[in-house]
C-alpha atoms as a PDB file:
ATOM      1  CA  MET A   1       0.000   0.000   0.000  1.00  0.00           C
ATOM      2  CA  ALA A   2       2.903   2.366   0.697  1.00  0.00           C
ATOM      3  CA  LYS A   3       4.063   1.989  -2.908  1.00  0.00           C
ATOM      4  CA  TRP A   4       0.599   2.901  -4.179  1.00  0.00           C
ATOM      5  CA  VAL A   5       0.629   6.060  -2.067  1.00  0.00           C
ATOM      6  CA  GLN A   6       4.136   6.893  -3.339  1.00  0.00           C
ATOM      7  CA  LEU A   7       2.977   6.331  -6.918  1.00  0.00           C
ATOM      8  CA  PHE A   8      -0.085   8.511  -6.411  1.00  0.00           C
ATOM      9  CA  TRP A   9       1.893  11.286  -4.703  1.00  0.00           C
ATOM     10  CA  GLY A  10       4.803  11.172  -7.179  1.00  0.00           C
ATOM     11  CA  PHE A  11       2.516  11.384 -10.184  1.00  0.00           C
ATOM     12  CA  PHE A  12       0.226  13.903  -8.471  1.00  0.00           C
ATOM     13  CA  LYS A  13       3.261  16.209  -8.289  1.00  0.00           C
ATOM     14  CA  VAL A  14       3.848  15.602 -12.007  1.00  0.00           C
ATOM     15  CA  GLY A  15       0.201  16.393 -12.721  1.00  0.00           C
ATOM     16  CA  ILE A  16       0.296  19.595 -10.692  1.00  0.00           C
ATOM     17  CA  LEU A  17       3.709  20.843 -11.899  1.00  0.00           C
ATOM     18  CA  GLY A  18       3.914  19.448 -15.451  1.00  0.00           C
ATOM     19  CA  TYR A  19       2.940  22.630 -17.280  1.00  0.00           C
ATOM     20  CA  GLY A  20       2.820  22.263 -21.034  1.00  0.00           C
ATOM     21  CA  GLY A  21       1.895  18.596 -21.184  1.00  0.00           C
ATOM     22  CA  GLY A  22       4.461  16.029 -22.272  1.00  0.00           C
ATOM     23  CA  PRO A  23       7.594  18.147 -22.552  1.00  0.00           C
ATOM     24  CA  GLY A  24       7.278  19.569 -19.070  1.00  0.00           C
ATOM     25  CA  SER A  25       6.086  16.302 -17.578  1.00  0.00           C
ATOM     26  CA  ILE A  26       8.717  13.950 -18.975  1.00  0.00           C
ATOM     27  CA  SER A  27      11.600  15.471 -17.063  1.00  0.00           C
ATOM     28  CA  LEU A  28       9.542  15.572 -13.865  1.00  0.00           C
ATOM     29  CA  ILE A  29       8.587  11.906 -14.274  1.00  0.00           C
ATOM     30  CA  GLN A  30      12.237  11.056 -14.875  1.00  0.00           C
ATOM     31  CA  ALA A  31      13.337  12.987 -11.789  1.00  0.00           C
ATOM     32  CA  ILE A  32      10.701  11.356  -9.586  1.00  0.00           C
ATOM     33  CA  SER A  33      11.019   7.792 -10.874  1.00  0.00           C
ATOM     34  CA  VAL A  34      14.820   7.674 -11.316  1.00  0.00           C
ATOM     35  CA  ASN A  35      16.270  10.150  -8.837  1.00  0.00           C
ATOM     36  CA  GLY A  36      13.459  10.473  -6.290  1.00  0.00           C
ATOM     37  CA  TYR A  37      11.957   7.072  -5.577  1.00  0.00           C
ATOM     38  CA  HIS A  38      14.548   4.994  -7.509  1.00  0.00           C
ATOM     39  CA  TRP A  39      11.882   2.898  -9.196  1.00  0.00           C
ATOM     40  CA  MET A  40      14.192   2.484 -12.215  1.00  0.00           C
ATOM     41  CA  ASP A  41      17.450   3.716 -13.713  1.00  0.00           C
ATOM     42  CA  ASN A  42      17.953   6.139 -16.613  1.00  0.00           C
ATOM     43  CA  THR A  43      18.327   3.326 -19.151  1.00  0.00           C
ATOM     44  CA  GLN A  44      15.029   1.739 -18.128  1.00  0.00           C
ATOM     45  CA  PHE A  45      13.352   5.151 -18.192  1.00  0.00           C
ATOM     46  CA  ALA A  46      14.730   5.891 -21.674  1.00  0.00           C
ATOM     47  CA  GLU A  47      13.423   2.543 -22.924  1.00  0.00           C
ATOM     48  CA  MET A  48      10.001   3.168 -21.403  1.00  0.00           C
ATOM     49  CA  LEU A  49       9.965   6.689 -22.857  1.00  0.00           C
ATOM     50  CA  ALA A  50      10.872   5.382 -26.311  1.00  0.00           C
ATOM     51  CA  ILE A  51       8.092   2.806 -26.231  1.00  0.00           C
ATOM     52  CA  GLY A  52       5.650   5.364 -24.853  1.00  0.00           C
ATOM     53  CA  ASN A  53       6.486   7.835 -27.612  1.00  0.00           C
ATOM     54  CA  ALA A  54       5.857   5.152 -30.214  1.00  0.00           C
ATOM     55  CA  LEU A  55       2.279   4.703 -28.962  1.00  0.00           C
ATOM     56  CA  PRO A  56      -0.645   7.102 -29.391  1.00  0.00           C
ATOM     57  CA  GLY A  57      -1.896   9.260 -26.542  1.00  0.00           C
ATOM     58  CA  PRO A  58      -0.484  11.572 -23.883  1.00  0.00           C
ATOM     59  CA  ILE A  59       2.989  10.547 -22.727  1.00  0.00           C
ATOM     60  CA  ALA A  60       2.451  11.391 -19.044  1.00  0.00           C
ATOM     61  CA  THR A  61      -0.450   8.965 -18.701  1.00  0.00           C
ATOM     62  CA  LYS A  62       1.375   6.238 -20.618  1.00  0.00           C
ATOM     63  CA  LEU A  63       4.456   6.601 -18.410  1.00  0.00           C
ATOM     64  CA  ALA A  64       2.298   6.731 -15.270  1.00  0.00           C
ATOM     65  CA  ALA A  65       0.511   3.526 -16.222  1.00  0.00           C
ATOM     66  CA  ALA A  66       3.712   1.699 -17.189  1.00  0.00           C
ATOM     67  CA  ILE A  67       5.730   2.808 -14.157  1.00  0.00           C
ATOM     68  CA  GLY A  68       2.772   2.204 -11.848  1.00  0.00           C
ATOM     69  CA  TRP A  69       2.332  -1.291 -13.273  1.00  0.00           C
ATOM     70  CA  GLN A  70       6.037  -2.062 -12.902  1.00  0.00           C
ATOM     71  CA  VAL A  71       6.185  -0.822  -9.306  1.00  0.00           C
ATOM     72  CA  GLY A  72       2.779  -1.841  -7.929  1.00  0.00           C
ATOM     73  CA  GLY A  73       0.840  -3.981 -10.394  1.00  0.00           C
ATOM     74  CA  VAL A  74      -2.713  -3.086 -11.366  1.00  0.00           C
ATOM     75  CA  MET A  75      -3.326  -0.948  -8.269  1.00  0.00           C
ATOM     76  CA  GLY A  76       0.003   0.787  -8.841  1.00  0.00           C
ATOM     77  CA  ALA A  77      -1.024   1.670 -12.394  1.00  0.00           C
ATOM     78  CA  ILE A  78      -4.387   2.975 -11.176  1.00  0.00           C
ATOM     79  CA  SER A  79      -2.745   4.990  -8.379  1.00  0.00           C
ATOM     80  CA  ALA A  80      -0.241   6.590 -10.746  1.00  0.00           C
ATOM     81  CA  LEU A  81      -2.900   7.337 -13.375  1.00  0.00           C
ATOM     82  CA  VAL A  82      -5.258   8.936 -10.872  1.00  0.00           C
ATOM     83  CA  GLY A  83      -2.348  10.914  -9.454  1.00  0.00           C
ATOM     84  CA  VAL A  84      -1.265  12.314 -12.818  1.00  0.00           C
ATOM     85  CA  VAL A  85      -4.787  13.045 -14.125  1.00  0.00           C
ATOM     86  CA  LEU A  86      -6.510  14.421 -11.014  1.00  0.00           C
ATOM     87  CA  PRO A  87      -4.705  17.796 -10.843  1.00  0.00           C
ATOM     88  CA  SER A  88      -5.388  18.523 -14.507  1.00  0.00           C
ATOM     89  CA  LEU A  89      -9.009  17.537 -14.174  1.00  0.00           C
ATOM     90  CA  VAL A  90      -9.564  19.778 -11.157  1.00  0.00           C
ATOM     91  CA  LEU A  91      -7.578  22.683 -12.590  1.00  0.00           C
ATOM     92  CA  MET A  92      -9.204  22.471 -16.013  1.00  0.00           C
ATOM     93  CA  LEU A  93     -12.687  22.444 -14.536  1.00  0.00           C
ATOM     94  CA  GLY A  94     -11.981  25.093 -11.914  1.00  0.00           C
ATOM     95  CA  LEU A  95      -9.549  27.541 -13.462  1.00  0.00           C
ATOM     96  CA  TYR A  96     -10.585  27.505 -17.093  1.00  0.00           C
ATOM     97  CA  GLN A  97     -13.404  29.939 -16.459  1.00  0.00           C
ATOM     98  CA  VAL A  98     -11.103  32.239 -14.456  1.00  0.00           C
ATOM     99  CA  LEU A  99      -8.484  32.289 -17.236  1.00  0.00           C
ATOM    100  CA  LEU A 100     -11.148  32.966 -19.839  1.00  0.00           C
ATOM    101  CA  ALA A 101     -12.415  35.914 -17.833  1.00  0.00           C
ATOM    102  CA  HIS A 102      -8.887  37.359 -17.517  1.00  0.00           C
ATOM    103  CA  LYS A 103      -7.253  36.210 -20.769  1.00  0.00           C
ATOM    104  CA  SER A 104      -6.472  39.774 -21.837  1.00  0.00           C
ATOM    105  CA  ASN A 105      -4.929  40.684 -18.471  1.00  0.00           C
ATOM    106  CA  PRO A 106      -1.232  41.484 -19.053  1.00  0.00           C
ATOM    107  CA  TYR A 107      -0.223  39.640 -15.860  1.00  0.00           C
ATOM    108  CA  VAL A 108      -1.905  36.443 -17.024  1.00  0.00           C
ATOM    109  CA  ILE A 109      -0.295  36.796 -20.450  1.00  0.00           C
ATOM    110  CA  GLY A 110       3.093  37.410 -18.810  1.00  0.00           C
ATOM    111  CA  LEU A 111       2.644  34.455 -16.464  1.00  0.00           C
ATOM    112  CA  ILE A 112       2.102  32.095 -19.387  1.00  0.00           C
ATOM    113  CA  ARG A 113       4.965  33.587 -21.400  1.00  0.00           C
ATOM    114  CA  GLY A 114       7.273  33.398 -18.369  1.00  0.00           C
ATOM    115  CA  VAL A 115       6.838  29.676 -17.789  1.00  0.00           C
ATOM    116  CA  LYS A 116       7.519  28.609 -21.394  1.00  0.00           C
ATOM    117  CA  PRO A 117      11.336  29.035 -21.176  1.00  0.00           C
ATOM    118  CA  ILE A 118      11.405  26.757 -18.133  1.00  0.00           C
ATOM    119  CA  VAL A 119       9.732  24.014 -20.166  1.00  0.00           C
ATOM    120  CA  ILE A 120      12.662  24.294 -22.604  1.00  0.00           C
ATOM    121  CA  VAL A 121      15.125  24.075 -19.689  1.00  0.00           C
ATOM    122  CA  LEU A 122      13.406  20.900 -18.468  1.00  0.00           C
ATOM    123  CA  LEU A 123      13.624  19.356 -21.947  1.00  0.00           C
ATOM    124  CA  VAL A 124      17.321  20.215 -22.292  1.00  0.00           C
ATOM    125  CA  LEU A 125      18.068  18.708 -18.873  1.00  0.00           C
ATOM    126  CA  LEU A 126      16.145  15.575 -19.805  1.00  0.00           C
ATOM    127  CA  ILE A 127      18.108  15.251 -23.047  1.00  0.00           C
ATOM    128  CA  LEU A 128      21.397  15.648 -21.199  1.00  0.00           C
ATOM    129  CA  ASP A 129      20.386  12.898 -18.756  1.00  0.00           C
ATOM    130  CA  LEU A 130      19.375  10.518 -21.563  1.00  0.00           C
ATOM    131  CA  ILE A 131      22.440  10.978 -23.809  1.00  0.00           C
ATOM    132  CA  PRO A 132      24.739   8.479 -22.018  1.00  0.00           C
ATOM    133  CA  GLY A 133      22.202   5.635 -22.272  1.00  0.00           C
ATOM    134  CA  THR A 134      21.252   6.476 -25.842  1.00  0.00           C
ATOM    135  CA  PHE A 135      24.767   7.022 -27.204  1.00  0.00           C
ATOM    136  CA  PRO A 136      27.016   4.663 -25.187  1.00  0.00           C
ATOM    137  CA  ALA A 137      30.730   5.311 -25.707  1.00  0.00           C
ATOM    138  CA  HIS A 138      31.439   1.835 -27.082  1.00  0.00           C
ATOM    139  CA  ARG A 139      28.528   1.816 -29.552  1.00  0.00           C
ATOM    140  CA  TYR A 140      27.453   5.323 -30.500  1.00  0.00           C
ATOM    141  CA  VAL A 141      27.764   5.395 -34.314  1.00  0.00           C
ATOM    142  CA  ILE A 142      24.509   3.634 -35.236  1.00  0.00           C
ATOM    143  CA  PRO A 143      22.366   5.561 -32.693  1.00  0.00           C
ATOM    144  CA  LEU A 144      23.972   8.791 -33.937  1.00  0.00           C
ATOM    145  CA  VAL A 145      23.144   7.899 -37.560  1.00  0.00           C
ATOM    146  CA  ILE A 146      19.559   7.040 -36.535  1.00  0.00           C
ATOM    147  CA  PHE A 147      19.342  10.388 -34.735  1.00  0.00           C
ATOM    148  CA  ILE A 148      20.639  12.392 -37.705  1.00  0.00           C
ATOM    149  CA  LEU A 149      18.510  10.550 -40.260  1.00  0.00           C
ATOM    150  CA  GLY A 150      15.451  10.921 -38.032  1.00  0.00           C
ATOM    151  CA  LEU A 151      16.061  14.632 -37.604  1.00  0.00           C
ATOM    152  CA  VAL A 152      16.461  15.148 -41.349  1.00  0.00           C
ATOM    153  CA  ALA A 153      13.444  12.961 -42.151  1.00  0.00           C
ATOM    154  CA  ILE A 154      11.137  14.846 -39.783  1.00  0.00           C
ATOM    155  CA  LYS A 155      12.459  18.390 -40.131  1.00  0.00           C
ATOM    156  CA  GLU A 156      13.576  18.615 -43.750  1.00  0.00           C
ATOM    157  CA  MET A 157      11.701  15.868 -45.578  1.00  0.00           C
ATOM    158  CA  LYS A 158       8.490  16.360 -43.540  1.00  0.00           C
ATOM    159  CA  ILE A 159       8.054  12.606 -43.031  1.00  0.00           C
ATOM    160  CA  SER A 160       5.567  11.683 -40.335  1.00  0.00           C
ATOM    161  CA  PRO A 161       7.206  11.132 -36.922  1.00  0.00           C
ATOM    162  CA  VAL A 162       5.204   7.905 -36.664  1.00  0.00           C
ATOM    163  CA  LEU A 163       6.936   6.508 -39.748  1.00  0.00           C
ATOM    164  CA  VAL A 164      10.325   7.701 -38.511  1.00  0.00           C
ATOM    165  CA  ILE A 165       9.744   6.008 -35.149  1.00  0.00           C
ATOM    166  CA  ILE A 166       8.734   2.759 -36.837  1.00  0.00           C
ATOM    167  CA  GLY A 167      11.794   2.963 -39.094  1.00  0.00           C
ATOM    168  CA  SER A 168      14.116   3.596 -36.159  1.00  0.00           C
ATOM    169  CA  MET A 169      12.601   0.698 -34.230  1.00  0.00           C
ATOM    170  CA  ILE A 170      13.158  -1.656 -37.158  1.00  0.00           C
ATOM    171  CA  THR A 171      16.710  -0.361 -37.641  1.00  0.00           C
ATOM    172  CA  GLY A 172      17.395  -0.766 -33.938  1.00  0.00           C
ATOM    173  CA  ALA A 173      16.009  -4.303 -33.928  1.00  0.00           C
ATOM    174  CA  LEU A 174      18.251  -5.232 -36.839  1.00  0.00           C
ATOM    175  CA  LEU A 175      21.438  -3.368 -35.951  1.00  0.00           C
ATOM    176  CA  LEU A 176      21.478  -2.735 -32.205  1.00  0.00           C
ATOM    177  CA  ARG A 177      20.824  -6.193 -30.786  1.00  0.00           C
END
């Protein structure tokens, strides 16, 4: 039962602080599950994140369900999911009307603009934490090629990220066993 409470509380914090959806939430989930409660290491988190990004739907709920399941079974998954969704549900229902009423207020506009750079900081920190597991020193060439080709495919060639993810998974299965 203590693990279920930890899962709920850990993911409740993600739900309350994860401004901006996935990008802001991913680094918080990583900090809580790897550094905070030590439910997994960075490599396991990176693998779970990769699988979660390959599936449809919000990443925070997918990670909550997967980590909750791994740590506490079915009740762990439910605890983590309720924890991550509850703050958004309450805030969306309660504060949406307030924000609508004050959407032209310069302080509200400034508040939203002020938090966006921090989301970028969280993403950069997450990337820096994931680099060692993604590009290991003894075997970095193929992941680097996958990274570069994926970047070019998505950014320059405008290929769907879904197709790029599927292609990278197939390449990884064939070349990175």
